[in-house]
Protein backbone atom coordinates (compact mmCIF):
# COMPACT_ATOMS: atom_id res chain seq x y z
CA MET A 1 -118.84 56.02 -55.28
CA ARG A 2 -119.33 55.10 -58.92
CA ILE A 3 -122.29 56.68 -60.70
CA THR A 4 -123.96 54.92 -63.61
CA SER A 5 -126.44 56.40 -66.05
CA ASP A 6 -127.93 52.98 -66.83
CA ILE A 7 -130.38 52.24 -64.02
CA SER A 8 -130.58 48.55 -64.98
CA LYS A 9 -126.94 48.16 -63.88
CA VAL A 10 -127.49 49.53 -60.37
CA LYS A 11 -126.97 46.79 -57.77
CA SER A 12 -129.75 47.90 -55.43
CA GLN A 13 -133.18 46.53 -56.37
CA PHE A 14 -134.70 49.25 -54.17
CA ILE A 15 -133.13 51.99 -56.29
CA ARG A 16 -134.17 50.32 -59.56
CA ASP A 17 -137.74 50.00 -58.27
CA SER A 18 -137.77 53.63 -57.12
CA PHE A 19 -137.32 54.80 -60.72
CA THR A 20 -140.33 52.73 -61.75
CA ALA A 21 -142.32 54.38 -58.96
CA LEU A 22 -141.17 57.83 -60.11
CA LYS A 23 -142.37 57.09 -63.63
CA ARG A 24 -145.79 56.02 -62.33
CA ALA A 25 -145.99 59.16 -60.19
CA ALA A 26 -145.11 61.36 -63.17
CA LEU A 27 -147.89 59.80 -65.24
CA GLU A 28 -150.38 60.14 -62.39
CA ALA A 29 -149.43 63.81 -61.91
CA ARG A 30 -150.12 64.43 -65.60
CA LYS A 31 -153.51 62.69 -65.40
CA ILE A 32 -154.54 64.70 -62.35
CA ALA A 33 -153.35 67.95 -63.94
CA ILE A 34 -155.52 67.23 -66.98
CA GLN A 35 -158.54 66.33 -64.81
CA THR A 36 -158.22 69.50 -62.72
CA ASP A 37 -157.08 71.77 -65.58
CA THR A 38 -153.89 72.57 -63.69
CA ALA A 39 -150.37 73.15 -64.98
CA ILE A 40 -147.43 71.09 -63.77
CA ILE A 41 -143.80 72.10 -63.36
CA ILE A 42 -141.16 69.79 -64.84
CA MET A 43 -137.46 69.78 -65.57
CA GLN A 44 -137.04 69.65 -69.35
CA GLU A 45 -133.65 69.79 -71.06
CA GLY A 46 -132.12 71.19 -67.88
CA LYS A 47 -134.68 73.98 -67.49
CA ILE A 48 -137.66 74.32 -65.17
CA THR A 49 -140.74 74.43 -67.40
CA ARG A 50 -144.44 75.09 -66.75
CA VAL A 51 -146.67 72.76 -68.79
CA THR A 52 -150.38 73.63 -69.05
CA ALA A 53 -153.17 71.07 -68.94
CA ASP A 54 -153.96 71.83 -72.60
CA THR A 55 -150.39 70.99 -73.59
CA LEU A 56 -150.54 67.82 -71.48
CA LYS A 57 -153.71 66.76 -73.28
CA ARG A 58 -152.00 67.16 -76.65
CA THR A 59 -148.81 65.37 -75.63
CA MET A 60 -150.08 62.70 -73.22
CA ASN A 61 -149.46 59.74 -75.57
CA ASP A 62 -145.90 60.89 -76.25
CA ASP A 63 -145.32 61.43 -72.51
CA ILE A 64 -146.57 57.93 -71.70
CA ASN A 65 -144.25 56.35 -74.26
CA LEU A 66 -141.30 58.43 -73.10
CA LEU A 67 -141.78 57.68 -69.42
CA LEU A 68 -142.41 53.96 -69.87
CA ASN A 69 -139.51 53.38 -72.25
CA LYS A 70 -136.81 55.68 -70.88
CA ASP A 71 -134.81 55.77 -67.68
CA ILE A 72 -135.25 59.06 -65.88
């Protein structure tokens, strides 16, 4: 099995679409965390990180740009 880091080169449309769905889910999780003043847990630079709702509020625009323009 060959592994590629560029999702656009994956043959399966289902797999390519699943990454789009994951990005939408990540954004929705951030929105809900802000609305409910709840922290989320993410993997960041290889480490499990707790991100508070206050931090999410400050970084939401950057998170949106990152998730929409970058393959996970």
